[in-house]
């Protein structure tokens, strides 16, 4: 039996994500190969969200919340996320 590690994270479901949001990192593909959504996603100021509202500032969704599991790469992606929101 193959052992797997499961890490908790949040994601933006593809069905509920505004198309202008840019995917930086996606969910792990399921056994069928389907990805369910964005674990990290950027939205630039001025884009329209699904509720019809426009972003006034840059937005970054970062769904990797358990910092004890962060790698150097995930730490850098978090820093990049912050820098993006600061414009």
PDB file of N, CA and C in Angstrom:
ATOM      1  N   UNK A   1       0.835  -1.176   0.000  1.00  0.00           N
ATOM      2  CA  UNK A   1       0.000   0.000   0.000  1.00  0.00           C
ATOM      3  C   UNK A   1       0.889   1.252   0.000  1.00  0.00           C
ATOM      4  N   UNK A   2       0.556   2.174  -0.861  1.00  0.00           N
ATOM      5  CA  UNK A   2       1.309   3.411  -0.972  1.00  0.00           C
ATOM      6  C   UNK A   2       0.785   4.417   0.053  1.00  0.00           C
ATOM      7  N   UNK A   3       1.687   4.970   0.857  1.00  0.00           N
ATOM      8  CA  UNK A   3       1.303   5.957   1.871  1.00  0.00           C
ATOM      9  C   UNK A   3       1.354   7.357   1.262  1.00  0.00           C
ATOM     10  N   UNK A   4       0.393   8.163   1.636  1.00  0.00           N
ATOM     11  CA  UNK A   4       0.338   9.538   1.150  1.00  0.00           C
ATOM     12  C   UNK A   4       0.249  10.487   2.317  1.00  0.00           C
ATOM     13  N   UNK A   5       0.809  11.661   2.116  1.00  0.00           N
ATOM     14  CA  UNK A   5       0.709  12.717   3.114  1.00  0.00           C
ATOM     15  C   UNK A   5      -0.372  13.685   2.647  1.00  0.00           C
ATOM     16  N   UNK A   6      -1.233  14.061   3.542  1.00  0.00           N
ATOM     17  CA  UNK A   6      -2.303  14.999   3.231  1.00  0.00           C
ATOM     18  C   UNK A   6      -2.094  16.275   4.030  1.00  0.00           C
ATOM     19  N   UNK A   7      -2.007  17.391   3.337  1.00  0.00           N
ATOM     20  CA  UNK A   7      -1.830  18.684   3.987  1.00  0.00           C
ATOM     21  C   UNK A   7      -3.097  19.510   3.819  1.00  0.00           C
ATOM     22  N   UNK A   8      -3.552  20.168   4.882  1.00  0.00           N
ATOM     23  CA  UNK A   8      -4.755  20.993   4.761  1.00  0.00           C
ATOM     24  C   UNK A   8      -4.464  22.302   4.026  1.00  0.00           C
ATOM     25  N   UNK A   9      -5.399  22.705   3.180  1.00  0.00           N
ATOM     26  CA  UNK A   9      -5.311  23.994   2.502  1.00  0.00           C
ATOM     27  C   UNK A   9      -6.704  24.393   2.033  1.00  0.00           C
ATOM     28  N   UNK A  10      -6.866  25.660   1.709  1.00  0.00           N
ATOM     29  CA  UNK A  10      -8.106  26.185   1.147  1.00  0.00           C
ATOM     30  C   UNK A  10      -7.868  26.438  -0.336  1.00  0.00           C
ATOM     31  N   UNK A  11      -8.961  26.458  -1.099  1.00  0.00           N
ATOM     32  CA  UNK A  11      -8.825  26.759  -2.519  1.00  0.00           C
ATOM     33  C   UNK A  11     -10.070  27.468  -3.037  1.00  0.00           C
ATOM     34  N   UNK A  12      -9.892  28.203  -4.140  1.00  0.00           N
ATOM     35  CA  UNK A  12     -11.002  28.829  -4.844  1.00  0.00           C
ATOM     36  C   UNK A  12     -11.498  27.825  -5.876  1.00  0.00           C
ATOM     37  N   UNK A  13     -12.716  27.379  -5.728  1.00  0.00           N
ATOM     38  CA  UNK A  13     -13.294  26.411  -6.656  1.00  0.00           C
ATOM     39  C   UNK A  13     -13.398  27.018  -8.052  1.00  0.00           C
ATOM     40  N   UNK A  14     -13.063  26.242  -9.067  1.00  0.00           N
ATOM     41  CA  UNK A  14     -13.108  26.724 -10.451  1.00  0.00           C
ATOM     42  C   UNK A  14     -14.491  27.262 -10.833  1.00  0.00           C
ATOM     43  N   UNK A  15     -15.547  26.679 -10.282  1.00  0.00           N
ATOM     44  CA  UNK A  15     -16.915  27.097 -10.612  1.00  0.00           C
ATOM     45  C   UNK A  15     -17.281  28.432  -9.970  1.00  0.00           C
ATOM     46  N   UNK A  16     -16.569  28.830  -8.931  1.00  0.00           N
ATOM     47  CA  UNK A  16     -16.901  30.049  -8.196  1.00  0.00           C
ATOM     48  C   UNK A  16     -15.803  31.101  -8.251  1.00  0.00           C
ATOM     49  N   UNK A  17     -14.941  31.005  -9.233  1.00  0.00           N
ATOM     50  CA  UNK A  17     -13.799  31.909  -9.342  1.00  0.00           C
ATOM     51  C   UNK A  17     -14.014  32.860 -10.511  1.00  0.00           C
ATOM     52  N   UNK A  18     -13.781  34.142 -10.282  1.00  0.00           N
ATOM     53  CA  UNK A  18     -13.883  35.120 -11.364  1.00  0.00           C
ATOM     54  C   UNK A  18     -12.823  34.807 -12.425  1.00  0.00           C
ATOM     55  N   UNK A  19     -13.209  34.760 -13.691  1.00  0.00           N
ATOM     56  CA  UNK A  19     -12.252  34.417 -14.756  1.00  0.00           C
ATOM     57  C   UNK A  19     -10.984  35.265 -14.802  1.00  0.00           C
ATOM     58  N   UNK A  20     -11.033  36.571 -14.431  1.00  0.00           N
ATOM     59  CA  UNK A  20      -9.784  37.346 -14.502  1.00  0.00           C
ATOM     60  C   UNK A  20      -8.738  36.981 -13.440  1.00  0.00           C
ATOM     61  N   UNK A  21      -9.118  36.210 -12.415  1.00  0.00           N
ATOM     62  CA  UNK A  21      -8.128  35.814 -11.417  1.00  0.00           C
ATOM     63  C   UNK A  21      -7.091  34.898 -12.049  1.00  0.00           C
ATOM     64  N   UNK A  22      -5.838  35.132 -11.739  1.00  0.00           N
ATOM     65  CA  UNK A  22      -4.732  34.382 -12.339  1.00  0.00           C
ATOM     66  C   UNK A  22      -4.268  33.296 -11.367  1.00  0.00           C
ATOM     67  N   UNK A  23      -4.295  32.062 -11.822  1.00  0.00           N
ATOM     68  CA  UNK A  23      -3.870  30.933 -10.993  1.00  0.00           C
ATOM     69  C   UNK A  23      -2.350  30.897 -10.896  1.00  0.00           C
ATOM     70  N   UNK A  24      -1.849  30.846  -9.660  1.00  0.00           N
ATOM     71  CA  UNK A  24      -0.419  30.726  -9.404  1.00  0.00           C
ATOM     72  C   UNK A  24      -0.100  29.289  -8.989  1.00  0.00           C
ATOM     73  N   UNK A  25      -0.970  28.706  -8.152  1.00  0.00           N
ATOM     74  CA  UNK A  25      -0.827  27.306  -7.729  1.00  0.00           C
ATOM     75  C   UNK A  25      -2.213  26.686  -7.662  1.00  0.00           C
ATOM     76  N   UNK A  26      -2.309  25.425  -8.093  1.00  0.00           N
ATOM     77  CA  UNK A  26      -3.598  24.730  -8.144  1.00  0.00           C
ATOM     78  C   UNK A  26      -3.649  23.601  -7.125  1.00  0.00           C
ATOM     79  N   UNK A  27      -4.852  23.081  -6.927  1.00  0.00           N
ATOM     80  CA  UNK A  27      -5.018  21.909  -6.085  1.00  0.00           C
ATOM     81  C   UNK A  27      -4.296  20.733  -6.727  1.00  0.00           C
ATOM     82  N   UNK A  28      -3.989  19.748  -5.913  1.00  0.00           N
ATOM     83  CA  UNK A  28      -3.393  18.508  -6.412  1.00  0.00           C
ATOM     84  C   UNK A  28      -4.437  17.822  -7.288  1.00  0.00           C
ATOM     85  N   UNK A  29      -4.074  17.335  -8.470  1.00  0.00           N
ATOM     86  CA  UNK A  29      -5.063  16.654  -9.318  1.00  0.00           C
ATOM     87  C   UNK A  29      -5.633  15.411  -8.627  1.00  0.00           C
ATOM     88  N   UNK A  30      -6.915  15.172  -8.867  1.00  0.00           N
ATOM     89  CA  UNK A  30      -7.552  13.966  -8.339  1.00  0.00           C
ATOM     90  C   UNK A  30      -7.088  12.764  -9.156  1.00  0.00           C
ATOM     91  N   UNK A  31      -7.571  11.589  -8.806  1.00  0.00           N
ATOM     92  CA  UNK A  31      -7.185  10.383  -9.555  1.00  0.00           C
ATOM     93  C   UNK A  31      -7.625  10.462 -11.013  1.00  0.00           C
ATOM     94  N   UNK A  32      -8.654  11.268 -11.298  1.00  0.00           N
ATOM     95  CA  UNK A  32      -9.111  11.446 -12.681  1.00  0.00           C
ATOM     96  C   UNK A  32      -8.296  12.507 -13.418  1.00  0.00           C
ATOM     97  N   UNK A  33      -7.409  13.189 -12.694  1.00  0.00           N
ATOM     98  CA  UNK A  33      -6.590  14.233 -13.304  1.00  0.00           C
ATOM     99  C   UNK A  33      -7.193  15.619 -13.183  1.00  0.00           C
ATOM    100  N   UNK A  34      -8.400  15.725 -12.619  1.00  0.00           N
ATOM    101  CA  UNK A  34      -9.070  17.017 -12.487  1.00  0.00           C
ATOM    102  C   UNK A  34      -8.465  17.835 -11.351  1.00  0.00           C
ATOM    103  N   UNK A  35      -8.227  19.110 -11.634  1.00  0.00           N
ATOM    104  CA  UNK A  35      -7.825  20.066 -10.598  1.00  0.00           C
ATOM    105  C   UNK A  35      -9.087  20.818 -10.190  1.00  0.00           C
ATOM    106  N   UNK A  36      -9.277  21.007  -8.890  1.00  0.00           N
ATOM    107  CA  UNK A  36     -10.511  21.601  -8.401  1.00  0.00           C
ATOM    108  C   UNK A  36     -10.476  23.115  -8.284  1.00  0.00           C
ATOM    109  N   UNK A  37      -9.301  23.698  -8.162  1.00  0.00           N
ATOM    110  CA  UNK A  37      -9.265  25.144  -8.046  1.00  0.00           C
ATOM    111  C   UNK A  37      -7.890  25.696  -7.730  1.00  0.00           C
ATOM    112  N   UNK A  38      -7.896  26.970  -7.367  1.00  0.00           N
ATOM    113  CA  UNK A  38      -6.657  27.715  -7.108  1.00  0.00           C
ATOM    114  C   UNK A  38      -6.325  27.720  -5.620  1.00  0.00           C
ATOM    115  N   UNK A  39      -5.126  27.328  -5.293  1.00  0.00           N
ATOM    116  CA  UNK A  39      -4.637  27.434  -3.925  1.00  0.00           C
ATOM    117  C   UNK A  39      -3.993  28.811  -3.731  1.00  0.00           C
ATOM    118  N   UNK A  40      -3.390  29.329  -4.784  1.00  0.00           N
ATOM    119  CA  UNK A  40      -2.868  30.695  -4.800  1.00  0.00           C
ATOM    120  C   UNK A  40      -3.356  31.350  -6.085  1.00  0.00           C
ATOM    121  N   UNK A  41      -3.926  32.535  -5.949  1.00  0.00           N
ATOM    122  CA  UNK A  41      -4.484  33.220  -7.110  1.00  0.00           C
ATOM    123  C   UNK A  41      -4.344  34.723  -6.936  1.00  0.00           C
ATOM    124  N   UNK A  42      -4.061  35.426  -8.041  1.00  0.00           N
ATOM    125  CA  UNK A  42      -3.904  36.879  -8.022  1.00  0.00           C
ATOM    126  C   UNK A  42      -5.051  37.541  -8.783  1.00  0.00           C
ATOM    127  N   UNK A  43      -5.470  38.686  -8.280  1.00  0.00           N
ATOM    128  CA  UNK A  43      -6.448  39.511  -8.979  1.00  0.00           C
ATOM    129  C   UNK A  43      -5.964  40.945  -8.993  1.00  0.00           C
ATOM    130  N   UNK A  44      -5.888  41.534 -10.168  1.00  0.00           N
ATOM    131  CA  UNK A  44      -5.396  42.913 -10.302  1.00  0.00           C
ATOM    132  C   UNK A  44      -6.519  43.912 -10.039  1.00  0.00           C
ATOM    133  N   UNK A  45      -6.144  45.051  -9.493  1.00  0.00           N
ATOM    134  CA  UNK A  45      -7.116  46.121  -9.253  1.00  0.00           C
ATOM    135  C   UNK A  45      -7.869  46.412 -10.538  1.00  0.00           C
ATOM    136  N   UNK A  46      -9.189  46.590 -10.407  1.00  0.00           N
ATOM    137  CA  UNK A  46     -10.018  46.926 -11.565  1.00  0.00           C
ATOM    138  C   UNK A  46     -10.780  45.762 -12.163  1.00  0.00           C
ATOM    139  N   UNK A  47     -10.399  44.521 -11.835  1.00  0.00           N
ATOM    140  CA  UNK A  47     -11.134  43.390 -12.404  1.00  0.00           C
ATOM    141  C   UNK A  47     -12.498  43.268 -11.733  1.00  0.00           C
ATOM    142  N   UNK A  48     -13.431  42.648 -12.440  1.00  0.00           N
ATOM    143  CA  UNK A  48     -14.775  42.447 -11.921  1.00  0.00           C
ATOM    144  C   UNK A  48     -14.900  41.038 -11.359  1.00  0.00           C
ATOM    145  N   UNK A  49     -15.416  40.959 -10.129  1.00  0.00           N
ATOM    146  CA  UNK A  49     -15.639  39.674  -9.473  1.00  0.00           C
ATOM    147  C   UNK A  49     -17.003  39.115  -9.873  1.00  0.00           C
ATOM    148  N   UNK A  50     -17.297  37.889  -9.476  1.00  0.00           N
ATOM    149  CA  UNK A  50     -18.556  37.251  -9.853  1.00  0.00           C
ATOM    150  C   UNK A  50     -19.777  37.985  -9.302  1.00  0.00           C
ATOM    151  N   UNK A  51     -19.627  38.697  -8.193  1.00  0.00           N
ATOM    152  CA  UNK A  51     -20.749  39.433  -7.614  1.00  0.00           C
ATOM    153  C   UNK A  51     -20.951  40.803  -8.271  1.00  0.00           C
ATOM    154  N   UNK A  52     -20.163  41.093  -9.306  1.00  0.00           N
ATOM    155  CA  UNK A  52     -20.292  42.348 -10.038  1.00  0.00           C
ATOM    156  C   UNK A  52     -19.459  43.483  -9.478  1.00  0.00           C
ATOM    157  N   UNK A  53     -18.848  43.289  -8.331  1.00  0.00           N
ATOM    158  CA  UNK A  53     -18.021  44.338  -7.732  1.00  0.00           C
ATOM    159  C   UNK A  53     -16.632  44.337  -8.364  1.00  0.00           C
ATOM    160  N   UNK A  54     -16.036  45.522  -8.421  1.00  0.00           N
ATOM    161  CA  UNK A  54     -14.676  45.660  -8.951  1.00  0.00           C
ATOM    162  C   UNK A  54     -13.688  45.741  -7.799  1.00  0.00           C
ATOM    163  N   UNK A  55     -12.521  45.139  -8.003  1.00  0.00           N
ATOM    164  CA  UNK A  55     -11.461  45.239  -6.999  1.00  0.00           C
ATOM    165  C   UNK A  55     -10.879  46.643  -7.019  1.00  0.00           C
ATOM    166  N   UNK A  56     -10.778  47.254  -5.850  1.00  0.00           N
ATOM    167  CA  UNK A  56     -10.162  48.584  -5.740  1.00  0.00           C
ATOM    168  C   UNK A  56      -8.644  48.482  -5.649  1.00  0.00           C
ATOM    169  N   UNK A  57      -8.172  47.345  -5.137  1.00  0.00           N
ATOM    170  CA  UNK A  57      -6.736  47.121  -4.959  1.00  0.00           C
ATOM    171  C   UNK A  57      -6.396  45.716  -5.417  1.00  0.00           C
ATOM    172  N   UNK A  58      -5.111  45.457  -5.608  1.00  0.00           N
ATOM    173  CA  UNK A  58      -4.673  44.099  -5.939  1.00  0.00           C
ATOM    174  C   UNK A  58      -5.056  43.140  -4.814  1.00  0.00           C
ATOM    175  N   UNK A  59      -5.380  41.915  -5.198  1.00  0.00           N
ATOM    176  CA  UNK A  59      -5.799  40.899  -4.242  1.00  0.00           C
ATOM    177  C   UNK A  59      -4.980  39.636  -4.470  1.00  0.00           C
ATOM    178  N   UNK A  60      -4.629  38.966  -3.393  1.00  0.00           N
ATOM    179  CA  UNK A  60      -3.990  37.658  -3.495  1.00  0.00           C
ATOM    180  C   UNK A  60      -4.703  36.705  -2.553  1.00  0.00           C
ATOM    181  N   UNK A  61      -5.171  35.598  -3.095  1.00  0.00           N
ATOM    182  CA  UNK A  61      -5.736  34.521  -2.279  1.00  0.00           C
ATOM    183  C   UNK A  61      -4.605  33.533  -2.041  1.00  0.00           C
ATOM    184  N   UNK A  62      -4.321  33.237  -0.771  1.00  0.00           N
ATOM    185  CA  UNK A  62      -3.251  32.302  -0.412  1.00  0.00           C
ATOM    186  C   UNK A  62      -3.848  31.285   0.546  1.00  0.00           C
ATOM    187  N   UNK A  63      -4.109  30.086   0.066  1.00  0.00           N
ATOM    188  CA  UNK A  63      -4.824  29.080   0.845  1.00  0.00           C
ATOM    189  C   UNK A  63      -3.965  28.121   1.640  1.00  0.00           C
ATOM    190  N   UNK A  64      -2.652  28.317   1.631  1.00  0.00           N
ATOM    191  CA  UNK A  64      -1.764  27.422   2.387  1.00  0.00           C
ATOM    192  C   UNK A  64      -1.596  28.022   3.775  1.00  0.00           C
ATOM    193  N   UNK A  65      -2.378  27.556   4.727  1.00  0.00           N
ATOM    194  CA  UNK A  65      -2.451  28.214   6.036  1.00  0.00           C
ATOM    195  C   UNK A  65      -1.579  27.590   7.113  1.00  0.00           C
ATOM    196  N   UNK A  66      -1.189  26.352   6.954  1.00  0.00           N
ATOM    197  CA  UNK A  66      -0.413  25.658   7.985  1.00  0.00           C
ATOM    198  C   UNK A  66       1.080  25.926   7.790  1.00  0.00           C
ATOM    199  N   UNK A  67       1.579  26.974   8.428  1.00  0.00           N
ATOM    200  CA  UNK A  67       2.947  27.427   8.183  1.00  0.00           C
ATOM    201  C   UNK A  67       4.013  26.405   8.576  1.00  0.00           C
ATOM    202  N   UNK A  68       3.704  25.493   9.471  1.00  0.00           N
ATOM    203  CA  UNK A  68       4.710  24.498   9.859  1.00  0.00           C
ATOM    204  C   UNK A  68       5.065  23.554   8.695  1.00  0.00           C
ATOM    205  N   UNK A  69       4.226  23.532   7.650  1.00  0.00           N
ATOM    206  CA  UNK A  69       4.487  22.673   6.498  1.00  0.00           C
ATOM    207  C   UNK A  69       5.070  23.440   5.310  1.00  0.00           C
ATOM    208  N   UNK A  70       5.274  24.745   5.461  1.00  0.00           N
ATOM    209  CA  UNK A  70       5.781  25.541   4.352  1.00  0.00           C
ATOM    210  C   UNK A  70       7.210  25.148   4.000  1.00  0.00           C
ATOM    211  N   UNK A  71       7.464  25.101   2.714  1.00  0.00           N
ATOM    212  CA  UNK A  71       8.820  24.896   2.205  1.00  0.00           C
ATOM    213  C   UNK A  71       9.407  26.279   1.900  1.00  0.00           C
ATOM    214  N   UNK A  72      10.646  26.315   1.493  1.00  0.00           N
ATOM    215  CA  UNK A  72      11.241  27.592   1.069  1.00  0.00           C
ATOM    216  C   UNK A  72      10.461  28.174  -0.100  1.00  0.00           C
ATOM    217  N   UNK A  73      10.004  27.312  -1.009  1.00  0.00           N
ATOM    218  CA  UNK A  73       9.237  27.780  -2.172  1.00  0.00           C
ATOM    219  C   UNK A  73       7.904  28.389  -1.739  1.00  0.00           C
ATOM    220  N   UNK A  74       7.195  27.757  -0.797  1.00  0.00           N
ATOM    221  CA  UNK A  74       5.911  28.313  -0.353  1.00  0.00           C
ATOM    222  C   UNK A  74       6.110  29.614   0.428  1.00  0.00           C
ATOM    223  N   UNK A  75       7.193  29.722   1.167  1.00  0.00           N
ATOM    224  CA  UNK A  75       7.503  30.988   1.858  1.00  0.00           C
ATOM    225  C   UNK A  75       7.717  32.106   0.832  1.00  0.00           C
ATOM    226  N   UNK A  76       8.431  31.781  -0.237  1.00  0.00           N
ATOM    227  CA  UNK A  76       8.672  32.775  -1.283  1.00  0.00           C
ATOM    228  C   UNK A  76       7.366  33.153  -1.984  1.00  0.00           C
ATOM    229  N   UNK A  77       6.489  32.169  -2.241  1.00  0.00           N
ATOM    230  CA  UNK A  77       5.199  32.474  -2.872  1.00  0.00           C
ATOM    231  C   UNK A  77       4.359  33.373  -1.971  1.00  0.00           C
ATOM    232  N   UNK A  78       4.438  33.179  -0.645  1.00  0.00           N
ATOM    233  CA  UNK A  78       3.717  34.043   0.283  1.00  0.00           C
ATOM    234  C   UNK A  78       4.265  35.465   0.217  1.00  0.00           C
ATOM    235  N   UNK A  79       5.585  35.603   0.195  1.00  0.00           N
ATOM    236  CA  UNK A  79       6.205  36.929   0.081  1.00  0.00           C
ATOM    237  C   UNK A  79       5.796  37.591  -1.225  1.00  0.00           C
ATOM    238  N   UNK A  80       5.805  36.818  -2.322  1.00  0.00           N
ATOM    239  CA  UNK A  80       5.389  37.353  -3.616  1.00  0.00           C
ATOM    240  C   UNK A  80       3.932  37.822  -3.580  1.00  0.00           C
ATOM    241  N   UNK A  81       3.102  37.062  -2.875  1.00  0.00           N
ATOM    242  CA  UNK A  81       1.689  37.388  -2.719  1.00  0.00           C
ATOM    243  C   UNK A  81       1.538  38.744  -2.017  1.00  0.00           C
ATOM    244  N   UNK A  82       2.268  38.933  -0.942  1.00  0.00           N
ATOM    245  CA  UNK A  82       2.225  40.197  -0.199  1.00  0.00           C
ATOM    246  C   UNK A  82       2.701  41.352  -1.085  1.00  0.00           C
ATOM    247  N   UNK A  83       3.804  41.148  -1.794  1.00  0.00           N
ATOM    248  CA  UNK A  83       4.326  42.188  -2.672  1.00  0.00           C
ATOM    249  C   UNK A  83       3.323  42.548  -3.764  1.00  0.00           C
ATOM    250  N   UNK A  84       2.607  41.551  -4.281  1.00  0.00           N
ATOM    251  CA  UNK A  84       1.594  41.817  -5.303  1.00  0.00           C
ATOM    252  C   UNK A  84       0.484  42.699  -4.749  1.00  0.00           C
ATOM    253  N   UNK A  85       0.035  42.412  -3.532  1.00  0.00           N
ATOM    254  CA  UNK A  85      -1.049  43.209  -2.952  1.00  0.00           C
ATOM    255  C   UNK A  85      -0.618  44.652  -2.650  1.00  0.00           C
ATOM    256  N   UNK A  86       0.673  44.826  -2.382  1.00  0.00           N
ATOM    257  CA  UNK A  86       1.180  46.166  -2.112  1.00  0.00           C
ATOM    258  C   UNK A  86       1.371  46.973  -3.393  1.00  0.00           C
ATOM    259  N   UNK A  87       1.321  46.280  -4.526  1.00  0.00           N
ATOM    260  CA  UNK A  87       1.420  46.948  -5.823  1.00  0.00           C
ATOM    261  C   UNK A  87       2.807  47.368  -6.144  1.00  0.00           C
TER     262      UNK A  87
END
